[in-house]
């Protein structure tokens, strides 16, 4: 699948690829919108940044990426600004205007400890913008511990001192099924298959790639508006702010919703 992904990314326009790689696109669009709300010169922490793929969205800000540098063996962590555990961030309190934390909470055994630490380094009134999965397979094994409902996320965030403003599902049933169709291709045509079986199945694999990867996901995704409840979803995007205690100064942040 990685080989097919690289080929399609080269030959397909970005707008079409976004309709295929729906999981990644939904997170990138959420972070991109967050970047638009950040004012010039504000401090942004990307917590659990991995390969710092969202750095370009914050060129106008003071962007800092931090990660422990484990999980994906194929990732290049050399672009990180800080190598550290999220449970013990090497920053003083109340220094960041915004914290971005995408697809991290499922990989930590004590999520409330992480959230409390993110709140410690965030200014009072500062924004935490977070995504977490609900419908997704095990990954970055063995560092994969949890999946989150909107109610579980709200409980954890409010427990450690955040005011939750919005929790939005990243798609509904049909977007979820579109991603599952793409995963079906991976299981039907594994890259490690060798020999005459691979040769015999090659024409079927080409047809499978067209139907299950290129054409199928965008078509199924187009039906997602029919799911108004969106209780079967890839995951959630959350906007919240660090709770202001009476007498504390409030950082100046844009209050517009993403």
C-alpha atoms as a PDB file:
ATOM      1  CA  UNK A   1       0.000   0.000   0.000  1.00  0.00           C
ATOM      2  CA  UNK A   2       2.866   2.381   0.717  1.00  0.00           C
ATOM      3  CA  UNK A   3       4.130   1.927  -2.838  1.00  0.00           C
ATOM      4  CA  UNK A   4       0.672   2.563  -4.297  1.00  0.00           C
ATOM      5  CA  UNK A   5       0.267   5.580  -2.014  1.00  0.00           C
ATOM      6  CA  UNK A   6       3.498   7.133  -3.309  1.00  0.00           C
ATOM      7  CA  UNK A   7       2.455   6.561  -6.918  1.00  0.00           C
ATOM      8  CA  UNK A   8      -1.004   8.052  -6.453  1.00  0.00           C
ATOM      9  CA  UNK A   9       0.346  11.071  -4.603  1.00  0.00           C
ATOM     10  CA  UNK A  10       2.547  11.820  -7.609  1.00  0.00           C
ATOM     11  CA  UNK A  11      -0.083  11.345 -10.325  1.00  0.00           C
ATOM     12  CA  UNK A  12      -3.290  12.575  -8.684  1.00  0.00           C
ATOM     13  CA  UNK A  13      -4.087  16.227  -7.911  1.00  0.00           C
ATOM     14  CA  UNK A  14      -4.112  17.116  -4.219  1.00  0.00           C
ATOM     15  CA  UNK A  15      -7.875  17.677  -4.112  1.00  0.00           C
ATOM     16  CA  UNK A  16      -8.482  14.110  -5.374  1.00  0.00           C
ATOM     17  CA  UNK A  17      -5.952  12.546  -3.032  1.00  0.00           C
ATOM     18  CA  UNK A  18      -7.716  14.287  -0.118  1.00  0.00           C
ATOM     19  CA  UNK A  19     -10.863  12.400  -1.122  1.00  0.00           C
ATOM     20  CA  UNK A  20      -8.937   9.129  -0.924  1.00  0.00           C
ATOM     21  CA  UNK A  21      -6.759   9.539   2.161  1.00  0.00           C
ATOM     22  CA  UNK A  22      -9.684  10.755   4.231  1.00  0.00           C
ATOM     23  CA  UNK A  23      -8.196  10.130   7.678  1.00  0.00           C
ATOM     24  CA  UNK A  24      -5.043  12.160   7.066  1.00  0.00           C
ATOM     25  CA  UNK A  25      -6.888  14.881   5.164  1.00  0.00           C
ATOM     26  CA  UNK A  26      -9.423  15.452   7.952  1.00  0.00           C
ATOM     27  CA  UNK A  27      -6.648  16.026  10.484  1.00  0.00           C
ATOM     28  CA  UNK A  28      -4.615  18.238   8.167  1.00  0.00           C
ATOM     29  CA  UNK A  29      -7.629  20.444   7.418  1.00  0.00           C
ATOM     30  CA  UNK A  30      -8.328  20.799  11.144  1.00  0.00           C
ATOM     31  CA  UNK A  31      -4.733  21.851  11.875  1.00  0.00           C
ATOM     32  CA  UNK A  32      -4.642  24.137   8.845  1.00  0.00           C
ATOM     33  CA  UNK A  33      -7.721  25.971  10.138  1.00  0.00           C
ATOM     34  CA  UNK A  34      -6.007  26.226  13.529  1.00  0.00           C
ATOM     35  CA  UNK A  35      -3.018  27.833  11.844  1.00  0.00           C
ATOM     36  CA  UNK A  36      -5.219  30.570  10.406  1.00  0.00           C
ATOM     37  CA  UNK A  37      -6.406  31.596  13.854  1.00  0.00           C
ATOM     38  CA  UNK A  38      -2.903  31.894  15.305  1.00  0.00           C
ATOM     39  CA  UNK A  39      -1.607  35.454  15.337  1.00  0.00           C
ATOM     40  CA  UNK A  40       1.844  36.446  14.179  1.00  0.00           C
ATOM     41  CA  UNK A  41       4.450  35.893  16.866  1.00  0.00           C
ATOM     42  CA  UNK A  42       2.287  33.719  19.108  1.00  0.00           C
ATOM     43  CA  UNK A  43       3.873  30.606  20.571  1.00  0.00           C
ATOM     44  CA  UNK A  44       2.599  27.235  19.344  1.00  0.00           C
ATOM     45  CA  UNK A  45       3.536  23.849  20.783  1.00  0.00           C
ATOM     46  CA  UNK A  46       3.020  20.772  18.604  1.00  0.00           C
ATOM     47  CA  UNK A  47       2.900  18.031  21.245  1.00  0.00           C
ATOM     48  CA  UNK A  48       3.629  14.569  19.878  1.00  0.00           C
ATOM     49  CA  UNK A  49       4.642  16.139  16.565  1.00  0.00           C
ATOM     50  CA  UNK A  50       6.262  13.067  15.003  1.00  0.00           C
ATOM     51  CA  UNK A  51       7.824  14.304  11.759  1.00  0.00           C
ATOM     52  CA  UNK A  52       6.636  17.889  12.370  1.00  0.00           C
ATOM     53  CA  UNK A  53       4.455  17.667   9.273  1.00  0.00           C
ATOM     54  CA  UNK A  54       2.356  20.699  10.296  1.00  0.00           C
ATOM     55  CA  UNK A  55       5.235  23.147  10.765  1.00  0.00           C
ATOM     56  CA  UNK A  56       4.418  25.050   7.571  1.00  0.00           C
ATOM     57  CA  UNK A  57       0.962  25.999   8.898  1.00  0.00           C
ATOM     58  CA  UNK A  58       2.651  28.072  11.608  1.00  0.00           C
ATOM     59  CA  UNK A  59       5.399  29.884   9.695  1.00  0.00           C
ATOM     60  CA  UNK A  60       4.057  33.181  11.023  1.00  0.00           C
ATOM     61  CA  UNK A  61       4.235  31.974  14.635  1.00  0.00           C
ATOM     62  CA  UNK A  62       6.905  30.695  17.003  1.00  0.00           C
ATOM     63  CA  UNK A  63       6.467  26.964  16.425  1.00  0.00           C
ATOM     64  CA  UNK A  64       7.997  24.305  18.673  1.00  0.00           C
ATOM     65  CA  UNK A  65       7.676  20.572  17.981  1.00  0.00           C
ATOM     66  CA  UNK A  66       8.204  18.024  20.731  1.00  0.00           C
ATOM     67  CA  UNK A  67       8.052  14.227  20.696  1.00  0.00           C
ATOM     68  CA  UNK A  68       9.695  11.277  22.417  1.00  0.00           C
ATOM     69  CA  UNK A  69      10.780   9.952  19.013  1.00  0.00           C
ATOM     70  CA  UNK A  70       9.393   6.401  19.201  1.00  0.00           C
ATOM     71  CA  UNK A  71       6.463   4.602  17.643  1.00  0.00           C
ATOM     72  CA  UNK A  72       6.922   4.627  13.879  1.00  0.00           C
ATOM     73  CA  UNK A  73      10.197   2.979  12.873  1.00  0.00           C
ATOM     74  CA  UNK A  74      10.044   4.489   9.373  1.00  0.00           C
ATOM     75  CA  UNK A  75       9.579   8.092  10.541  1.00  0.00           C
ATOM     76  CA  UNK A  76      12.338  10.684  10.513  1.00  0.00           C
ATOM     77  CA  UNK A  77      12.350  12.433  13.898  1.00  0.00           C
ATOM     78  CA  UNK A  78      15.420  14.548  13.129  1.00  0.00           C
ATOM     79  CA  UNK A  79      13.325  17.663  12.480  1.00  0.00           C
ATOM     80  CA  UNK A  80      12.024  17.835  16.046  1.00  0.00           C
ATOM     81  CA  UNK A  81      12.859  20.956  18.032  1.00  0.00           C
ATOM     82  CA  UNK A  82      12.739  19.133  21.370  1.00  0.00           C
ATOM     83  CA  UNK A  83      13.083  15.441  22.171  1.00  0.00           C
ATOM     84  CA  UNK A  84      11.187  14.821  25.420  1.00  0.00           C
ATOM     85  CA  UNK A  85       8.392  12.851  27.025  1.00  0.00           C
ATOM     86  CA  UNK A  86       5.042  14.634  27.098  1.00  0.00           C
ATOM     87  CA  UNK A  87       4.601  13.667  30.739  1.00  0.00           C
ATOM     88  CA  UNK A  88       7.578  15.889  31.638  1.00  0.00           C
ATOM     89  CA  UNK A  89       7.822  18.778  29.205  1.00  0.00           C
ATOM     90  CA  UNK A  90      10.996  20.866  29.581  1.00  0.00           C
ATOM     91  CA  UNK A  91       9.147  24.194  29.497  1.00  0.00           C
ATOM     92  CA  UNK A  92       8.063  26.597  32.249  1.00  0.00           C
ATOM     93  CA  UNK A  93       4.369  27.047  32.936  1.00  0.00           C
ATOM     94  CA  UNK A  94       2.037  29.399  31.040  1.00  0.00           C
ATOM     95  CA  UNK A  95       4.306  29.999  28.020  1.00  0.00           C
ATOM     96  CA  UNK A  96       2.363  28.804  24.951  1.00  0.00           C
ATOM     97  CA  UNK A  97      -0.617  30.536  23.362  1.00  0.00           C
ATOM     98  CA  UNK A  98      -1.727  27.392  21.521  1.00  0.00           C
ATOM     99  CA  UNK A  99      -1.062  23.665  21.832  1.00  0.00           C
ATOM    100  CA  UNK A 100      -1.674  21.261  18.958  1.00  0.00           C
ATOM    101  CA  UNK A 101      -1.987  17.572  19.837  1.00  0.00           C
ATOM    102  CA  UNK A 102      -3.061  15.263  17.000  1.00  0.00           C
ATOM    103  CA  UNK A 103      -3.537  11.493  17.265  1.00  0.00           C
ATOM    104  CA  UNK A 104      -1.429  11.247  20.416  1.00  0.00           C
ATOM    105  CA  UNK A 105      -3.769  10.343  23.289  1.00  0.00           C
ATOM    106  CA  UNK A 106      -4.251   6.769  22.065  1.00  0.00           C
ATOM    107  CA  UNK A 107      -0.509   6.188  22.393  1.00  0.00           C
ATOM    108  CA  UNK A 108      -0.056   7.152  26.050  1.00  0.00           C
ATOM    109  CA  UNK A 109      -0.987   4.930  29.011  1.00  0.00           C
ATOM    110  CA  UNK A 110      -1.932   7.869  31.256  1.00  0.00           C
ATOM    111  CA  UNK A 111      -3.784  10.410  29.076  1.00  0.00           C
ATOM    112  CA  UNK A 112      -4.918  12.576  31.992  1.00  0.00           C
ATOM    113  CA  UNK A 113      -1.266  13.063  32.997  1.00  0.00           C
ATOM    114  CA  UNK A 114      -0.440  14.254  29.469  1.00  0.00           C
ATOM    115  CA  UNK A 115      -3.410  16.603  29.318  1.00  0.00           C
ATOM    116  CA  UNK A 116      -2.575  18.089  32.699  1.00  0.00           C
ATOM    117  CA  UNK A 117       0.996  18.731  31.537  1.00  0.00           C
ATOM    118  CA  UNK A 118      -0.216  20.375  28.327  1.00  0.00           C
ATOM    119  CA  UNK A 119      -2.424  22.584  30.452  1.00  0.00           C
ATOM    120  CA  UNK A 120       0.535  23.504  32.658  1.00  0.00           C
ATOM    121  CA  UNK A 121       2.549  24.959  29.749  1.00  0.00           C
ATOM    122  CA  UNK A 122      -0.475  26.663  28.163  1.00  0.00           C
ATOM    123  CA  UNK A 123      -1.366  30.220  29.106  1.00  0.00           C
ATOM    124  CA  UNK A 124      -4.681  30.768  30.909  1.00  0.00           C
ATOM    125  CA  UNK A 125      -7.308  31.119  28.187  1.00  0.00           C
ATOM    126  CA  UNK A 126      -4.950  29.573  25.628  1.00  0.00           C
ATOM    127  CA  UNK A 127      -6.232  27.035  23.121  1.00  0.00           C
ATOM    128  CA  UNK A 128      -5.677  23.286  23.018  1.00  0.00           C
ATOM    129  CA  UNK A 129      -6.627  21.841  19.630  1.00  0.00           C
ATOM    130  CA  UNK A 130      -6.706  18.084  19.724  1.00  0.00           C
ATOM    131  CA  UNK A 131      -7.687  15.067  17.637  1.00  0.00           C
ATOM    132  CA  UNK A 132      -8.158  11.504  18.843  1.00  0.00           C
ATOM    133  CA  UNK A 133      -9.387   8.335  17.109  1.00  0.00           C
ATOM    134  CA  UNK A 134     -12.494   6.264  17.719  1.00  0.00           C
ATOM    135  CA  UNK A 135     -12.749   3.913  14.719  1.00  0.00           C
ATOM    136  CA  UNK A 136      -9.202   2.916  13.828  1.00  0.00           C
ATOM    137  CA  UNK A 137      -7.097  -0.246  13.953  1.00  0.00           C
ATOM    138  CA  UNK A 138      -4.158  -0.936  16.232  1.00  0.00           C
ATOM    139  CA  UNK A 139      -1.043   0.923  15.094  1.00  0.00           C
ATOM    140  CA  UNK A 140       2.394   1.930  16.342  1.00  0.00           C
ATOM    141  CA  UNK A 141       2.338  -1.338  18.259  1.00  0.00           C
ATOM    142  CA  UNK A 142       2.877  -1.803  21.188  1.00  0.00           C
ATOM    143  CA  UNK A 143       2.332   1.915  21.896  1.00  0.00           C
ATOM    144  CA  UNK A 144      -1.438   1.849  21.320  1.00  0.00           C
ATOM    145  CA  UNK A 145      -3.712   1.915  24.363  1.00  0.00           C
ATOM    146  CA  UNK A 146      -7.080   3.637  23.884  1.00  0.00           C
ATOM    147  CA  UNK A 147      -9.890   4.831  21.628  1.00  0.00           C
ATOM    148  CA  UNK A 148     -12.057   7.815  22.609  1.00  0.00           C
ATOM    149  CA  UNK A 149     -15.719   8.765  22.480  1.00  0.00           C
ATOM    150  CA  UNK A 150     -16.734  12.419  22.576  1.00  0.00           C
ATOM    151  CA  UNK A 151     -17.944  11.894  26.138  1.00  0.00           C
ATOM    152  CA  UNK A 152     -14.675  10.381  27.288  1.00  0.00           C
ATOM    153  CA  UNK A 153     -12.723  13.275  25.792  1.00  0.00           C
ATOM    154  CA  UNK A 154     -14.919  15.854  27.462  1.00  0.00           C
ATOM    155  CA  UNK A 155     -14.595  14.075  30.808  1.00  0.00           C
ATOM    156  CA  UNK A 156     -10.781  13.914  30.633  1.00  0.00           C
ATOM    157  CA  UNK A 157     -10.363  17.518  29.487  1.00  0.00           C
ATOM    158  CA  UNK A 158     -12.725  19.050  32.025  1.00  0.00           C
ATOM    159  CA  UNK A 159     -11.195  16.920  34.776  1.00  0.00           C
ATOM    160  CA  UNK A 160      -7.743  18.497  34.285  1.00  0.00           C
ATOM    161  CA  UNK A 161      -8.894  22.111  33.875  1.00  0.00           C
ATOM    162  CA  UNK A 162     -10.030  22.756  30.297  1.00  0.00           C
ATOM    163  CA  UNK A 163     -13.243  24.362  29.111  1.00  0.00           C
ATOM    164  CA  UNK A 164     -14.457  22.388  26.091  1.00  0.00           C
ATOM    165  CA  UNK A 165     -16.011  24.523  23.353  1.00  0.00           C
ATOM    166  CA  UNK A 166     -16.447  22.069  20.495  1.00  0.00           C
ATOM    167  CA  UNK A 167     -16.100  18.342  19.908  1.00  0.00           C
ATOM    168  CA  UNK A 168     -16.765  17.446  16.290  1.00  0.00           C
ATOM    169  CA  UNK A 169     -16.727  13.997  14.653  1.00  0.00           C
ATOM    170  CA  UNK A 170     -14.307  13.681  11.767  1.00  0.00           C
ATOM    171  CA  UNK A 171     -16.905  12.278   9.426  1.00  0.00           C
ATOM    172  CA  UNK A 172     -19.672   9.751   9.884  1.00  0.00           C
ATOM    173  CA  UNK A 173     -20.505   6.199   8.880  1.00  0.00           C
ATOM    174  CA  UNK A 174     -19.867   6.595   5.155  1.00  0.00           C
ATOM    175  CA  UNK A 175     -16.493   8.289   5.578  1.00  0.00           C
ATOM    176  CA  UNK A 176     -15.586   5.485   7.978  1.00  0.00           C
ATOM    177  CA  UNK A 177     -16.650   2.875   5.409  1.00  0.00           C
ATOM    178  CA  UNK A 178     -14.665   4.662   2.699  1.00  0.00           C
ATOM    179  CA  UNK A 179     -11.513   4.305   4.787  1.00  0.00           C
ATOM    180  CA  UNK A 180     -12.343   0.662   5.548  1.00  0.00           C
ATOM    181  CA  UNK A 181     -12.702  -0.017   1.811  1.00  0.00           C
ATOM    182  CA  UNK A 182      -9.195   1.304   1.287  1.00  0.00           C
ATOM    183  CA  UNK A 183      -7.935  -0.938   4.099  1.00  0.00           C
ATOM    184  CA  UNK A 184      -9.672  -3.900   2.446  1.00  0.00           C
ATOM    185  CA  UNK A 185      -7.367  -3.440  -0.521  1.00  0.00           C
ATOM    186  CA  UNK A 186      -4.342  -3.706   1.795  1.00  0.00           C
ATOM    187  CA  UNK A 187      -5.514  -7.066   3.162  1.00  0.00           C
ATOM    188  CA  UNK A 188      -6.539  -8.477  -0.218  1.00  0.00           C
ATOM    189  CA  UNK A 189      -3.312  -7.462  -1.953  1.00  0.00           C
ATOM    190  CA  UNK A 190      -0.458  -7.410   0.599  1.00  0.00           C
ATOM    191  CA  UNK A 191       2.835  -6.012  -0.664  1.00  0.00           C
ATOM    192  CA  UNK A 192       4.787  -8.976   0.684  1.00  0.00           C
ATOM    193  CA  UNK A 193       3.028 -11.447  -1.652  1.00  0.00           C
ATOM    194  CA  UNK A 194       5.567 -12.987  -4.032  1.00  0.00           C
ATOM    195  CA  UNK A 195       5.904 -15.511  -6.866  1.00  0.00           C
ATOM    196  CA  UNK A 196       3.365 -16.795  -9.353  1.00  0.00           C
ATOM    197  CA  UNK A 197       0.379 -15.884  -7.186  1.00  0.00           C
ATOM    198  CA  UNK A 198       1.337 -12.215  -7.358  1.00  0.00           C
ATOM    199  CA  UNK A 199       1.731 -12.446 -11.143  1.00  0.00           C
ATOM    200  CA  UNK A 200      -1.607 -14.191 -11.620  1.00  0.00           C
ATOM    201  CA  UNK A 201      -3.446 -11.727  -9.397  1.00  0.00           C
ATOM    202  CA  UNK A 202      -1.808  -8.619 -10.878  1.00  0.00           C
ATOM    203  CA  UNK A 203      -4.684  -7.776 -13.296  1.00  0.00           C
ATOM    204  CA  UNK A 204      -7.185  -8.235 -10.462  1.00  0.00           C
ATOM    205  CA  UNK A 205      -5.005  -6.066  -8.226  1.00  0.00           C
ATOM    206  CA  UNK A 206      -5.035  -3.234 -10.790  1.00  0.00           C
ATOM    207  CA  UNK A 207      -8.830  -3.414 -10.940  1.00  0.00           C
ATOM    208  CA  UNK A 208      -8.935  -3.541  -7.138  1.00  0.00           C
ATOM    209  CA  UNK A 209      -6.770  -0.426  -6.876  1.00  0.00           C
ATOM    210  CA  UNK A 210      -9.088   1.475  -9.212  1.00  0.00           C
ATOM    211  CA  UNK A 211     -12.288   0.422  -7.449  1.00  0.00           C
ATOM    212  CA  UNK A 212     -11.150   0.211  -3.803  1.00  0.00           C
ATOM    213  CA  UNK A 213      -8.616   3.044  -3.649  1.00  0.00           C
ATOM    214  CA  UNK A 214      -9.039   5.564  -6.460  1.00  0.00           C
ATOM    215  CA  UNK A 215     -12.789   5.604  -7.197  1.00  0.00           C
ATOM    216  CA  UNK A 216     -14.562   3.895  -4.299  1.00  0.00           C
ATOM    217  CA  UNK A 217     -13.614   6.047  -1.286  1.00  0.00           C
ATOM    218  CA  UNK A 218     -14.623   9.397  -2.850  1.00  0.00           C
ATOM    219  CA  UNK A 219     -17.930   7.917  -4.014  1.00  0.00           C
ATOM    220  CA  UNK A 220     -18.802   6.427  -0.611  1.00  0.00           C
ATOM    221  CA  UNK A 221     -17.609   9.563   1.200  1.00  0.00           C
ATOM    222  CA  UNK A 222     -20.063  11.634  -0.864  1.00  0.00           C
ATOM    223  CA  UNK A 223     -22.900   9.884   0.994  1.00  0.00           C
ATOM    224  CA  UNK A 224     -21.661  11.003   4.407  1.00  0.00           C
ATOM    225  CA  UNK A 225     -24.149  13.881   4.584  1.00  0.00           C
ATOM    226  CA  UNK A 226     -26.875  11.244   4.997  1.00  0.00           C
ATOM    227  CA  UNK A 227     -25.479  10.373   8.435  1.00  0.00           C
ATOM    228  CA  UNK A 228     -26.689  13.187  10.648  1.00  0.00           C
ATOM    229  CA  UNK A 229     -25.732  11.630  13.999  1.00  0.00           C
ATOM    230  CA  UNK A 230     -22.174  10.569  13.120  1.00  0.00           C
ATOM    231  CA  UNK A 231     -21.772   8.158  16.016  1.00  0.00           C
ATOM    232  CA  UNK A 232     -19.681   5.811  13.899  1.00  0.00           C
ATOM    233  CA  UNK A 233     -16.702   7.982  13.055  1.00  0.00           C
ATOM    234  CA  UNK A 234     -12.955   7.924  12.507  1.00  0.00           C
ATOM    235  CA  UNK A 235     -12.471  10.141  15.533  1.00  0.00           C
ATOM    236  CA  UNK A 236     -13.008  13.597  16.968  1.00  0.00           C
ATOM    237  CA  UNK A 237     -11.548  17.084  16.680  1.00  0.00           C
ATOM    238  CA  UNK A 238     -11.670  19.120  19.870  1.00  0.00           C
ATOM    239  CA  UNK A 239     -11.347  22.828  20.608  1.00  0.00           C
ATOM    240  CA  UNK A 240     -10.898  23.805  24.243  1.00  0.00           C
ATOM    241  CA  UNK A 241      -9.220  26.464  26.350  1.00  0.00           C
ATOM    242  CA  UNK A 242      -7.308  26.372  29.594  1.00  0.00           C
ATOM    243  CA  UNK A 243      -9.708  27.365  32.329  1.00  0.00           C
ATOM    244  CA  UNK A 244      -9.095  30.816  33.750  1.00  0.00           C
ATOM    245  CA  UNK A 245      -8.997  31.004  37.518  1.00  0.00           C
ATOM    246  CA  UNK A 246     -10.306  34.245  38.987  1.00  0.00           C
ATOM    247  CA  UNK A 247      -7.523  36.825  39.088  1.00  0.00           C
ATOM    248  CA  UNK A 248      -5.337  35.154  36.445  1.00  0.00           C
ATOM    249  CA  UNK A 249      -4.280  37.133  33.347  1.00  0.00           C
ATOM    250  CA  UNK A 250      -5.720  35.880  30.057  1.00  0.00           C
ATOM    251  CA  UNK A 251      -3.596  35.527  26.938  1.00  0.00           C
ATOM    252  CA  UNK A 252      -4.870  37.331  23.852  1.00  0.00           C
ATOM    253  CA  UNK A 253      -6.160  34.671  21.475  1.00  0.00           C
ATOM    254  CA  UNK A 254      -8.645  34.771  18.631  1.00  0.00           C
ATOM    255  CA  UNK A 255     -11.973  33.434  19.872  1.00  0.00           C
ATOM    256  CA  UNK A 256     -13.404  32.527  16.453  1.00  0.00           C
ATOM    257  CA  UNK A 257     -14.390  28.873  16.089  1.00  0.00           C
ATOM    258  CA  UNK A 258     -12.362  26.742  13.664  1.00  0.00           C
END
